[in-house]
Amino acid sequence: MPGIAPDVISHKLTISSAYKPVRQKRRSYDAERYEAMRTEVEKLQTIGFIREATYPVWLANSVMVRKSTGGWRMCQDYTDLNKACRPRTARGRHCRPRTAELYGCLLRL
């Protein structure tokens, strides 16, 4: 993220070596979704939040989801990547239980 030093916080995926990298096939979108996606990407590039990746090992498609307000939300399809990530804890892939434990500790202070 722009403005946050990597020594403050960073993220690393633990991908199982048993899985081969997957590049999802490019999806086609109707004109309305494509325009909404293009606008969102330009906005994120302008503020420096994302940049174009060349020759990525893993490639996930963007998916446009209709919001209840009628607009569009851009999401990423990480289905293949999620399958390849090894569990970080004995509880599974997600860190929510650990977050709940930490939050509980804070409440007891």
PDB file of N, CA and C in Angstrom:
ATOM      1  N   MET A   1       0.838  -1.172   0.000  1.00  0.00           N
ATOM      2  CA  MET A   1       0.000   0.000   0.000  1.00  0.00           C
ATOM      3  C   MET A   1       0.882   1.235   0.000  1.00  0.00           C
ATOM      4  N   PRO A   2       0.491   2.251  -0.721  1.00  0.00           N
ATOM      5  CA  PRO A   2       1.298   3.462  -0.755  1.00  0.00           C
ATOM      6  C   PRO A   2       1.379   4.111   0.620  1.00  0.00           C
ATOM      7  N   GLY A   3       2.568   4.512   0.999  1.00  0.00           N
ATOM      8  CA  GLY A   3       2.765   5.215   2.250  1.00  0.00           C
ATOM      9  C   GLY A   3       3.020   4.326   3.448  1.00  0.00           C
ATOM     10  N   ILE A   4       2.924   3.012   3.302  1.00  0.00           N
ATOM     11  CA  ILE A   4       3.178   2.096   4.414  1.00  0.00           C
ATOM     12  C   ILE A   4       4.449   1.315   4.103  1.00  0.00           C
ATOM     13  N   ALA A   5       5.427   1.445   4.972  1.00  0.00           N
ATOM     14  CA  ALA A   5       6.716   0.777   4.764  1.00  0.00           C
ATOM     15  C   ALA A   5       6.563  -0.732   4.937  1.00  0.00           C
ATOM     16  N   PRO A   6       7.229  -1.537   4.100  1.00  0.00           N
ATOM     17  CA  PRO A   6       7.137  -2.989   4.209  1.00  0.00           C
ATOM     18  C   PRO A   6       7.617  -3.531   5.553  1.00  0.00           C
ATOM     19  N   ASP A   7       8.507  -2.805   6.249  1.00  0.00           N
ATOM     20  CA  ASP A   7       8.950  -3.294   7.556  1.00  0.00           C
ATOM     21  C   ASP A   7       7.886  -3.091   8.637  1.00  0.00           C
ATOM     22  N   VAL A   8       6.865  -2.270   8.363  1.00  0.00           N
ATOM     23  CA  VAL A   8       5.761  -2.084   9.289  1.00  0.00           C
ATOM     24  C   VAL A   8       4.774  -3.233   9.151  1.00  0.00           C
ATOM     25  N   ILE A   9       4.393  -3.536   7.921  1.00  0.00           N
ATOM     26  CA  ILE A   9       3.471  -4.645   7.670  1.00  0.00           C
ATOM     27  C   ILE A   9       3.712  -5.171   6.256  1.00  0.00           C
ATOM     28  N   SER A  10       3.654  -6.473   6.107  1.00  0.00           N
ATOM     29  CA  SER A  10       3.781  -7.084   4.796  1.00  0.00           C
ATOM     30  C   SER A  10       2.934  -8.357   4.776  1.00  0.00           C
ATOM     31  N   HIS A  11       2.697  -8.869   3.594  1.00  0.00           N
ATOM     32  CA  HIS A  11       1.839 -10.039   3.415  1.00  0.00           C
ATOM     33  C   HIS A  11       2.577 -11.056   2.558  1.00  0.00           C
ATOM     34  N   LYS A  12       2.518 -12.313   2.961  1.00  0.00           N
ATOM     35  CA  LYS A  12       3.172 -13.367   2.201  1.00  0.00           C
ATOM     36  C   LYS A  12       2.223 -14.556   2.095  1.00  0.00           C
ATOM     37  N   LEU A  13       2.106 -15.109   0.900  1.00  0.00           N
ATOM     38  CA  LEU A  13       1.272 -16.283   0.685  1.00  0.00           C
ATOM     39  C   LEU A  13       2.116 -17.542   0.836  1.00  0.00           C
ATOM     40  N   THR A  14       1.570 -18.537   1.501  1.00  0.00           N
ATOM     41  CA  THR A  14       2.258 -19.821   1.639  1.00  0.00           C
ATOM     42  C   THR A  14       1.621 -20.790   0.646  1.00  0.00           C
ATOM     43  N   ILE A  15       2.182 -20.843  -0.537  1.00  0.00           N
ATOM     44  CA  ILE A  15       1.626 -21.649  -1.617  1.00  0.00           C
ATOM     45  C   ILE A  15       2.284 -23.025  -1.612  1.00  0.00           C
ATOM     46  N   SER A  16       1.464 -24.053  -1.654  1.00  0.00           N
ATOM     47  CA  SER A  16       1.957 -25.425  -1.665  1.00  0.00           C
ATOM     48  C   SER A  16       2.722 -25.683  -2.957  1.00  0.00           C
ATOM     49  N   SER A  17       3.856 -26.345  -2.856  1.00  0.00           N
ATOM     50  CA  SER A  17       4.657 -26.657  -4.040  1.00  0.00           C
ATOM     51  C   SER A  17       3.997 -27.742  -4.902  1.00  0.00           C
ATOM     52  N   ALA A  18       2.957 -28.374  -4.374  1.00  0.00           N
ATOM     53  CA  ALA A  18       2.252 -29.409  -5.137  1.00  0.00           C
ATOM     54  C   ALA A  18       1.378 -28.816  -6.244  1.00  0.00           C
ATOM     55  N   TYR A  19       1.105 -27.529  -6.176  1.00  0.00           N
ATOM     56  CA  TYR A  19       0.254 -26.877  -7.169  1.00  0.00           C
ATOM     57  C   TYR A  19       1.084 -26.118  -8.187  1.00  0.00           C
ATOM     58  N   LYS A  20       0.677 -26.219  -9.437  1.00  0.00           N
ATOM     59  CA  LYS A  20       1.320 -25.448 -10.494  1.00  0.00           C
ATOM     60  C   LYS A  20       0.622 -24.094 -10.601  1.00  0.00           C
ATOM     61  N   PRO A  21       1.352 -23.037 -10.954  1.00  0.00           N
ATOM     62  CA  PRO A  21       0.718 -21.725 -11.121  1.00  0.00           C
ATOM     63  C   PRO A  21      -0.380 -21.766 -12.181  1.00  0.00           C
ATOM     64  N   VAL A  22      -1.445 -21.034 -11.929  1.00  0.00           N
ATOM     65  CA  VAL A  22      -2.598 -21.005 -12.829  1.00  0.00           C
ATOM     66  C   VAL A  22      -2.806 -19.587 -13.334  1.00  0.00           C
ATOM     67  N   ARG A  23      -2.885 -19.453 -14.636  1.00  0.00           N
ATOM     68  CA  ARG A  23      -3.269 -18.182 -15.250  1.00  0.00           C
ATOM     69  C   ARG A  23      -4.687 -18.365 -15.775  1.00  0.00           C
ATOM     70  N   GLN A  24      -5.635 -17.715 -15.138  1.00  0.00           N
ATOM     71  CA  GLN A  24      -7.016 -17.848 -15.579  1.00  0.00           C
ATOM     72  C   GLN A  24      -7.185 -17.242 -16.966  1.00  0.00           C
ATOM     73  N   LYS A  25      -8.074 -17.844 -17.745  1.00  0.00           N
ATOM     74  CA  LYS A  25      -8.338 -17.319 -19.082  1.00  0.00           C
ATOM     75  C   LYS A  25      -9.058 -15.980 -18.976  1.00  0.00           C
ATOM     76  N   ARG A  26      -8.776 -15.113 -19.913  1.00  0.00           N
ATOM     77  CA  ARG A  26      -9.392 -13.796 -19.909  1.00  0.00           C
ATOM     78  C   ARG A  26     -10.900 -13.914 -20.121  1.00  0.00           C
ATOM     79  N   ARG A  27     -11.646 -13.216 -19.280  1.00  0.00           N
ATOM     80  CA  ARG A  27     -13.105 -13.220 -19.398  1.00  0.00           C
ATOM     81  C   ARG A  27     -13.548 -12.059 -20.273  1.00  0.00           C
ATOM     82  N   SER A  28     -14.672 -12.247 -20.920  1.00  0.00           N
ATOM     83  CA  SER A  28     -15.239 -11.145 -21.702  1.00  0.00           C
ATOM     84  C   SER A  28     -16.407 -10.559 -20.913  1.00  0.00           C
ATOM     85  N   TYR A  29     -16.576  -9.253 -21.025  1.00  0.00           N
ATOM     86  CA  TYR A  29     -17.603  -8.536 -20.279  1.00  0.00           C
ATOM     87  C   TYR A  29     -18.434  -7.697 -21.230  1.00  0.00           C
ATOM     88  N   ASP A  30     -19.673  -7.399 -20.812  1.00  0.00           N
ATOM     89  CA  ASP A  30     -20.490  -6.495 -21.616  1.00  0.00           C
ATOM     90  C   ASP A  30     -19.945  -5.068 -21.451  1.00  0.00           C
ATOM     91  N   ALA A  31     -20.409  -4.155 -22.285  1.00  0.00           N
ATOM     92  CA  ALA A  31     -19.862  -2.790 -22.318  1.00  0.00           C
ATOM     93  C   ALA A  31     -20.009  -2.076 -20.985  1.00  0.00           C
ATOM     94  N   GLU A  32     -21.125  -2.266 -20.292  1.00  0.00           N
ATOM     95  CA  GLU A  32     -21.348  -1.576 -19.016  1.00  0.00           C
ATOM     96  C   GLU A  32     -20.352  -2.034 -17.953  1.00  0.00           C
ATOM     97  N   ARG A  33     -20.159  -3.333 -17.837  1.00  0.00           N
ATOM     98  CA  ARG A  33     -19.199  -3.860 -16.850  1.00  0.00           C
ATOM     99  C   ARG A  33     -17.769  -3.469 -17.212  1.00  0.00           C
ATOM    100  N   TYR A  34     -17.446  -3.538 -18.491  1.00  0.00           N
ATOM    101  CA  TYR A  34     -16.094  -3.193 -18.923  1.00  0.00           C
ATOM    102  C   TYR A  34     -15.777  -1.734 -18.597  1.00  0.00           C
ATOM    103  N   GLU A  35     -16.724  -0.847 -18.834  1.00  0.00           N
ATOM    104  CA  GLU A  35     -16.513   0.573 -18.550  1.00  0.00           C
ATOM    105  C   GLU A  35     -16.358   0.808 -17.046  1.00  0.00           C
ATOM    106  N   ALA A  36     -17.167   0.140 -16.229  1.00  0.00           N
ATOM    107  CA  ALA A  36     -17.050   0.268 -14.780  1.00  0.00           C
ATOM    108  C   ALA A  36     -15.692  -0.241 -14.303  1.00  0.00           C
ATOM    109  N   MET A  37     -15.222  -1.341 -14.889  1.00  0.00           N
ATOM    110  CA  MET A  37     -13.924  -1.899 -14.519  1.00  0.00           C
ATOM    111  C   MET A  37     -12.789  -0.963 -14.932  1.00  0.00           C
ATOM    112  N   ARG A  38     -12.872  -0.431 -16.136  1.00  0.00           N
ATOM    113  CA  ARG A  38     -11.832   0.478 -16.621  1.00  0.00           C
ATOM    114  C   ARG A  38     -11.735   1.722 -15.733  1.00  0.00           C
ATOM    115  N   THR A  39     -12.875   2.263 -15.335  1.00  0.00           N
ATOM    116  CA  THR A  39     -12.896   3.436 -14.468  1.00  0.00           C
ATOM    117  C   THR A  39     -12.258   3.137 -13.116  1.00  0.00           C
ATOM    118  N   GLU A  40     -12.594   1.992 -12.529  1.00  0.00           N
ATOM    119  CA  GLU A  40     -12.048   1.612 -11.226  1.00  0.00           C
ATOM    120  C   GLU A  40     -10.541   1.387 -11.301  1.00  0.00           C
ATOM    121  N   VAL A  41     -10.078   0.725 -12.348  1.00  0.00           N
ATOM    122  CA  VAL A  41      -8.644   0.467 -12.509  1.00  0.00           C
ATOM    123  C   VAL A  41      -7.880   1.782 -12.676  1.00  0.00           C
ATOM    124  N   GLU A  42      -8.399   2.689 -13.482  1.00  0.00           N
ATOM    125  CA  GLU A  42      -7.746   3.984 -13.667  1.00  0.00           C
ATOM    126  C   GLU A  42      -7.657   4.747 -12.356  1.00  0.00           C
ATOM    127  N   LYS A  43      -8.735   4.699 -11.563  1.00  0.00           N
ATOM    128  CA  LYS A  43      -8.741   5.390 -10.271  1.00  0.00           C
ATOM    129  C   LYS A  43      -7.667   4.818  -9.347  1.00  0.00           C
ATOM    130  N   LEU A  44      -7.571   3.481  -9.267  1.00  0.00           N
ATOM    131  CA  LEU A  44      -6.590   2.838  -8.394  1.00  0.00           C
ATOM    132  C   LEU A  44      -5.161   3.054  -8.876  1.00  0.00           C
ATOM    133  N   GLN A  45      -4.955   3.109 -10.199  1.00  0.00           N
ATOM    134  CA  GLN A  45      -3.620   3.392 -10.736  1.00  0.00           C
ATOM    135  C   GLN A  45      -3.214   4.841 -10.453  1.00  0.00           C
ATOM    136  N   THR A  46      -4.158   5.765 -10.559  1.00  0.00           N
ATOM    137  CA  THR A  46      -3.873   7.177 -10.332  1.00  0.00           C
ATOM    138  C   THR A  46      -3.390   7.436  -8.911  1.00  0.00           C
ATOM    139  N   ILE A  47      -4.003   6.772  -7.926  1.00  0.00           N
ATOM    140  CA  ILE A  47      -3.593   6.997  -6.539  1.00  0.00           C
ATOM    141  C   ILE A  47      -2.401   6.127  -6.143  1.00  0.00           C
ATOM    142  N   GLY A  48      -1.924   5.281  -7.057  1.00  0.00           N
ATOM    143  CA  GLY A  48      -0.742   4.465  -6.794  1.00  0.00           C
ATOM    144  C   GLY A  48      -1.017   3.209  -5.991  1.00  0.00           C
ATOM    145  N   PHE A  49      -2.274   2.802  -5.893  1.00  0.00           N
ATOM    146  CA  PHE A  49      -2.622   1.619  -5.109  1.00  0.00           C
ATOM    147  C   PHE A  49      -2.327   0.332  -5.865  1.00  0.00           C
ATOM    148  N   ILE A  50      -2.438   0.366  -7.196  1.00  0.00           N
ATOM    149  CA  ILE A  50      -2.112  -0.799  -8.020  1.00  0.00           C
ATOM    150  C   ILE A  50      -1.187  -0.370  -9.149  1.00  0.00           C
ATOM    151  N   ARG A  51      -0.509  -1.345  -9.721  1.00  0.00           N
ATOM    152  CA  ARG A  51       0.312  -1.079 -10.905  1.00  0.00           C
ATOM    153  C   ARG A  51       0.220  -2.300 -11.810  1.00  0.00           C
ATOM    154  N   GLU A  52       0.537  -2.103 -13.059  1.00  0.00           N
ATOM    155  CA  GLU A  52       0.462  -3.194 -14.016  1.00  0.00           C
ATOM    156  C   GLU A  52       1.556  -4.208 -13.734  1.00  0.00           C
ATOM    157  N   ALA A  53       1.184  -5.482 -13.740  1.00  0.00           N
ATOM    158  CA  ALA A  53       2.146  -6.560 -13.529  1.00  0.00           C
ATOM    159  C   ALA A  53       2.467  -7.180 -14.882  1.00  0.00           C
ATOM    160  N   THR A  54       3.750  -7.377 -15.145  1.00  0.00           N
ATOM    161  CA  THR A  54       4.150  -8.030 -16.388  1.00  0.00           C
ATOM    162  C   THR A  54       4.647  -9.434 -16.063  1.00  0.00           C
ATOM    163  N   TYR A  55       4.201 -10.383 -16.856  1.00  0.00           N
ATOM    164  CA  TYR A  55       4.568 -11.784 -16.700  1.00  0.00           C
ATOM    165  C   TYR A  55       4.272 -12.321 -15.296  1.00  0.00           C
ATOM    166  N   PRO A  56       3.043 -12.208 -14.849  1.00  0.00           N
ATOM    167  CA  PRO A  56       2.719 -12.738 -13.519  1.00  0.00           C
ATOM    168  C   PRO A  56       2.720 -14.262 -13.508  1.00  0.00           C
ATOM    169  N   VAL A  57       3.085 -14.834 -12.384  1.00  0.00           N
ATOM    170  CA  VAL A  57       3.090 -16.284 -12.239  1.00  0.00           C
ATOM    171  C   VAL A  57       1.658 -16.774 -12.031  1.00  0.00           C
ATOM    172  N   TRP A  58       0.929 -16.128 -11.145  1.00  0.00           N
ATOM    173  CA  TRP A  58      -0.480 -16.427 -10.913  1.00  0.00           C
ATOM    174  C   TRP A  58      -1.276 -15.259 -11.477  1.00  0.00           C
ATOM    175  N   LEU A  59      -2.357 -15.546 -12.173  1.00  0.00           N
ATOM    176  CA  LEU A  59      -3.177 -14.492 -12.748  1.00  0.00           C
ATOM    177  C   LEU A  59      -4.635 -14.767 -12.421  1.00  0.00           C
ATOM    178  N   ALA A  60      -5.276 -13.805 -11.720  1.00  0.00           N
ATOM    179  CA  ALA A  60      -6.685 -13.945 -11.329  1.00  0.00           C
ATOM    180  C   ALA A  60      -7.508 -12.885 -12.045  1.00  0.00           C
ATOM    181  N   ASN A  61      -8.675 -13.288 -12.513  1.00  0.00           N
ATOM    182  CA  ASN A  61      -9.562 -12.377 -13.218  1.00  0.00           C
ATOM    183  C   ASN A  61     -10.277 -11.433 -12.262  1.00  0.00           C
ATOM    184  N   SER A  62     -10.616 -10.271 -12.772  1.00  0.00           N
ATOM    185  CA  SER A  62     -11.503  -9.363 -12.056  1.00  0.00           C
ATOM    186  C   SER A  62     -12.932  -9.766 -12.373  1.00  0.00           C
ATOM    187  N   VAL A  63     -13.793  -9.620 -11.390  1.00  0.00           N
ATOM    188  CA  VAL A  63     -15.202  -9.945 -11.549  1.00  0.00           C
ATOM    189  C   VAL A  63     -16.004  -8.738 -11.088  1.00  0.00           C
ATOM    190  N   MET A  64     -16.943  -8.299 -11.907  1.00  0.00           N
ATOM    191  CA  MET A  64     -17.781  -7.160 -11.549  1.00  0.00           C
ATOM    192  C   MET A  64     -19.076  -7.667 -10.934  1.00  0.00           C
ATOM    193  N   VAL A  65     -19.373  -7.184  -9.719  1.00  0.00           N
ATOM    194  CA  VAL A  65     -20.553  -7.605  -8.980  1.00  0.00           C
ATOM    195  C   VAL A  65     -21.453  -6.391  -8.782  1.00  0.00           C
ATOM    196  N   ARG A  66     -22.737  -6.552  -9.047  1.00  0.00           N
ATOM    197  CA  ARG A  66     -23.693  -5.452  -8.912  1.00  0.00           C
ATOM    198  C   ARG A  66     -23.917  -5.128  -7.432  1.00  0.00           C
ATOM    199  N   LYS A  67     -23.799  -3.855  -7.073  1.00  0.00           N
ATOM    200  CA  LYS A  67     -24.068  -3.401  -5.715  1.00  0.00           C
ATOM    201  C   LYS A  67     -25.566  -3.152  -5.551  1.00  0.00           C
ATOM    202  N   SER A  68     -26.027  -3.113  -4.323  1.00  0.00           N
ATOM    203  CA  SER A  68     -27.450  -2.876  -4.073  1.00  0.00           C
ATOM    204  C   SER A  68     -27.870  -1.474  -4.498  1.00  0.00           C
ATOM    205  N   THR A  69     -26.907  -0.561  -4.597  1.00  0.00           N
ATOM    206  CA  THR A  69     -27.201   0.811  -5.022  1.00  0.00           C
ATOM    207  C   THR A  69     -27.282   0.943  -6.539  1.00  0.00           C
ATOM    208  N   GLY A  70     -26.982  -0.148  -7.265  1.00  0.00           N
ATOM    209  CA  GLY A  70     -27.043  -0.124  -8.718  1.00  0.00           C
ATOM    210  C   GLY A  70     -25.687   0.037  -9.374  1.00  0.00           C
ATOM    211  N   GLY A  71     -24.664   0.388  -8.602  1.00  0.00           N
ATOM    212  CA  GLY A  71     -23.316   0.524  -9.147  1.00  0.00           C
ATOM    213  C   GLY A  71     -22.628  -0.832  -9.245  1.00  0.00           C
ATOM    214  N   TRP A  72     -21.320  -0.790  -9.490  1.00  0.00           N
ATOM    215  CA  TRP A  72     -20.542  -2.016  -9.637  1.00  0.00           C
ATOM    216  C   TRP A  72     -19.422  -2.061  -8.614  1.00  0.00           C
ATOM    217  N   ARG A  73     -19.100  -3.257  -8.148  1.00  0.00           N
ATOM    218  CA  ARG A  73     -17.963  -3.482  -7.256  1.00  0.00           C
ATOM    219  C   ARG A  73     -17.017  -4.443  -7.968  1.00  0.00           C
ATOM    220  N   MET A  74     -15.735  -4.097  -7.995  1.00  0.00           N
ATOM    221  CA  MET A  74     -14.749  -4.962  -8.642  1.00  0.00           C
ATOM    222  C   MET A  74     -14.141  -5.889  -7.593  1.00  0.00           C
ATOM    223  N   CYS A  75     -14.213  -7.190  -7.850  1.00  0.00           N
ATOM    224  CA  CYS A  75     -13.651  -8.209  -6.972  1.00  0.00           C
ATOM    225  C   CYS A  75     -12.661  -9.044  -7.783  1.00  0.00           C
ATOM    226  N   GLN A  76     -11.847  -9.834  -7.095  1.00  0.00           N
ATOM    227  CA  GLN A  76     -10.892 -10.713  -7.761  1.00  0.00           C
ATOM    228  C   GLN A  76     -11.290 -12.165  -7.537  1.00  0.00           C
ATOM    229  N   ASP A  77     -11.127 -13.000  -8.557  1.00  0.00           N
ATOM    230  CA  ASP A  77     -11.438 -14.421  -8.469  1.00  0.00           C
ATOM    231  C   ASP A  77     -10.166 -15.178  -8.080  1.00  0.00           C
ATOM    232  N   TYR A  78      -9.985 -15.390  -6.790  1.00  0.00           N
ATOM    233  CA  TYR A  78      -8.793 -16.072  -6.282  1.00  0.00           C
ATOM    234  C   TYR A  78      -9.054 -17.553  -6.015  1.00  0.00           C
ATOM    235  N   THR A  79     -10.003 -18.166  -6.718  1.00  0.00           N
ATOM    236  CA  THR A  79     -10.370 -19.555  -6.494  1.00  0.00           C
ATOM    237  C   THR A  79      -9.158 -20.481  -6.602  1.00  0.00           C
ATOM    238  N   ASP A  80      -8.404 -20.372  -7.673  1.00  0.00           N
ATOM    239  CA  ASP A  80      -7.249 -21.253  -7.887  1.00  0.00           C
ATOM    240  C   ASP A  80      -6.149 -20.999  -6.858  1.00  0.00           C
ATOM    241  N   LEU A  81      -5.912 -19.754  -6.540  1.00  0.00           N
ATOM    242  CA  LEU A  81      -4.881 -19.406  -5.565  1.00  0.00           C
ATOM    243  C   LEU A  81      -5.263 -19.889  -4.168  1.00  0.00           C
ATOM    244  N   ASN A  82      -6.535 -19.773  -3.810  1.00  0.00           N
ATOM    245  CA  ASN A  82      -6.987 -20.257  -2.502  1.00  0.00           C
ATOM    246  C   ASN A  82      -6.779 -21.756  -2.359  1.00  0.00           C
ATOM    247  N   LYS A  83      -6.989 -22.502  -3.434  1.00  0.00           N
ATOM    248  CA  LYS A  83      -6.786 -23.949  -3.385  1.00  0.00           C
ATOM    249  C   LYS A  83      -5.323 -24.290  -3.130  1.00  0.00           C
ATOM    250  N   ALA A  84      -4.423 -23.480  -3.641  1.00  0.00           N
ATOM    251  CA  ALA A  84      -2.995 -23.768  -3.553  1.00  0.00           C
ATOM    252  C   ALA A  84      -2.352 -23.292  -2.249  1.00  0.00           C
ATOM    253  N   CYS A  85      -3.017 -22.428  -1.521  1.00  0.00           N
ATOM    254  CA  CYS A  85      -2.434 -21.903  -0.281  1.00  0.00           C
ATOM    255  C   CYS A  85      -2.577 -22.916   0.838  1.00  0.00           C
ATOM    256  N   ARG A  86      -1.469 -23.155   1.512  1.00  0.00           N
ATOM    257  CA  ARG A  86      -1.468 -24.079   2.643  1.00  0.00           C
ATOM    258  C   ARG A  86      -2.103 -23.403   3.852  1.00  0.00           C
ATOM    259  N   PRO A  87      -2.750 -24.153   4.704  1.00  0.00           N
ATOM    260  CA  PRO A  87      -3.298 -23.553   5.927  1.00  0.00           C
ATOM    261  C   PRO A  87      -2.190 -22.967   6.787  1.00  0.00           C
ATOM    262  N   ARG A  88      -2.440 -21.803   7.349  1.00  0.00           N
ATOM    263  CA  ARG A  88      -1.446 -21.149   8.197  1.00  0.00           C
ATOM    264  C   ARG A  88      -1.482 -21.687   9.614  1.00  0.00           C
ATOM    265  N   THR A  89      -2.623 -22.165  10.040  1.00  0.00           N
ATOM    266  CA  THR A  89      -2.765 -22.680  11.393  1.00  0.00           C
ATOM    267  C   THR A  89      -3.479 -24.020  11.323  1.00  0.00           C
ATOM    268  N   ALA A  90      -3.555 -24.687  12.449  1.00  0.00           N
ATOM    269  CA  ALA A  90      -4.273 -25.958  12.499  1.00  0.00           C
ATOM    270  C   ALA A  90      -5.766 -25.751  12.285  1.00  0.00           C
ATOM    271  N   ARG A  91      -6.239 -24.545  12.454  1.00  0.00           N
ATOM    272  CA  ARG A  91      -7.666 -24.268  12.312  1.00  0.00           C
ATOM    273  C   ARG A  91      -8.091 -24.074  10.871  1.00  0.00           C
ATOM    274  N   GLY A  92      -7.174 -23.865   9.976  1.00  0.00           N
ATOM    275  CA  GLY A  92      -7.557 -23.686   8.576  1.00  0.00           C
ATOM    276  C   GLY A  92      -6.876 -22.500   7.950  1.00  0.00           C
ATOM    277  N   ARG A  93      -7.343 -22.118   6.779  1.00  0.00           N
ATOM    278  CA  ARG A  93      -6.710 -21.084   5.976  1.00  0.00           C
ATOM    279  C   ARG A  93      -6.909 -19.678   6.517  1.00  0.00           C
ATOM    280  N   HIS A  94      -7.993 -19.450   7.200  1.00  0.00           N
ATOM    281  CA  HIS A  94      -8.346 -18.085   7.542  1.00  0.00           C
ATOM    282  C   HIS A  94      -7.814 -17.683   8.910  1.00  0.00           C
ATOM    283  N   CYS A  95      -7.565 -16.419   9.081  1.00  0.00           N
ATOM    284  CA  CYS A  95      -6.984 -15.935  10.331  1.00  0.00           C
ATOM    285  C   CYS A  95      -8.052 -15.410  11.284  1.00  0.00           C
ATOM    286  N   ARG A  96      -9.320 -15.499  10.947  1.00  0.00           N
ATOM    287  CA  ARG A  96     -10.367 -14.952  11.809  1.00  0.00           C
ATOM    288  C   ARG A  96     -10.336 -15.503  13.227  1.00  0.00           C
ATOM    289  N   PRO A  97     -10.174 -16.818  13.438  1.00  0.00           N
ATOM    290  CA  PRO A  97     -10.143 -17.293  14.832  1.00  0.00           C
ATOM    291  C   PRO A  97      -9.025 -16.645  15.634  1.00  0.00           C
ATOM    292  N   ARG A  98      -7.862 -16.464  15.033  1.00  0.00           N
ATOM    293  CA  ARG A  98      -6.736 -15.834  15.725  1.00  0.00           C
ATOM    294  C   ARG A  98      -7.054 -14.370  16.018  1.00  0.00           C
ATOM    295  N   THR A  99      -7.682 -13.694  15.070  1.00  0.00           N
ATOM    296  CA  THR A  99      -8.073 -12.307  15.267  1.00  0.00           C
ATOM    297  C   THR A  99      -9.055 -12.214  16.422  1.00  0.00           C
ATOM    298  N   ALA A 100      -9.990 -13.152  16.486  1.00  0.00           N
ATOM    299  CA  ALA A 100     -10.961 -13.157  17.576  1.00  0.00           C
ATOM    300  C   ALA A 100     -10.267 -13.353  18.922  1.00  0.00           C
ATOM    301  N   GLU A 101      -9.248 -14.223  18.957  1.00  0.00           N
ATOM    302  CA  GLU A 101      -8.496 -14.425  20.195  1.00  0.00           C
ATOM    303  C   GLU A 101      -7.804 -13.138  20.624  1.00  0.00           C
ATOM    304  N   LEU A 102      -7.153 -12.469  19.683  1.00  0.00           N
ATOM    305  CA  LEU A 102      -6.453 -11.230  20.001  1.00  0.00           C
ATOM    306  C   LEU A 102      -7.425 -10.157  20.475  1.00  0.00           C
ATOM    307  N   TYR A 103      -8.567 -10.084  19.820  1.00  0.00           N
ATOM    308  CA  TYR A 103      -9.575  -9.107  20.207  1.00  0.00           C
ATOM    309  C   TYR A 103     -10.080  -9.405  21.613  1.00  0.00           C
ATOM    310  N   GLY A 104     -10.260 -10.690  21.913  1.00  0.00           N
ATOM    311  CA  GLY A 104     -10.698 -11.094  23.253  1.00  0.00           C
ATOM    312  C   GLY A 104      -9.686 -10.698  24.299  1.00  0.00           C
ATOM    313  N   CYS A 105      -8.404 -10.836  23.981  1.00  0.00           N
ATOM    314  CA  CYS A 105      -7.342 -10.430  24.926  1.00  0.00           C
ATOM    315  C   CYS A 105      -7.394  -8.931  25.181  1.00  0.00           C
ATOM    316  N   LEU A 106      -7.679  -8.173  24.148  1.00  0.00           N
ATOM    317  CA  LEU A 106      -7.749  -6.724  24.319  1.00  0.00           C
ATOM    318  C   LEU A 106      -8.934  -6.329  25.207  1.00  0.00           C
ATOM    319  N   LEU A 107     -10.023  -7.047  25.101  1.00  0.00           N
ATOM    320  CA  LEU A 107     -11.199  -6.733  25.908  1.00  0.00           C
ATOM    321  C   LEU A 107     -10.960  -7.012  27.383  1.00  0.00           C
ATOM    322  N   ARG A 108     -10.068  -7.948  27.690  1.00  0.00           N
ATOM    323  CA  ARG A 108      -9.794  -8.293  29.088  1.00  0.00           C
ATOM    324  C   ARG A 108      -8.838  -7.335  29.765  1.00  0.00           C
ATOM    325  N   LEU A 109      -8.189  -6.454  29.019  1.00  0.00           N
ATOM    326  CA  LEU A 109      -7.229  -5.512  29.609  1.00  0.00           C
ATOM    327  C   LEU A 109      -7.878  -4.556  30.569  1.00  0.00           C
TER     328      LEU A 109
END
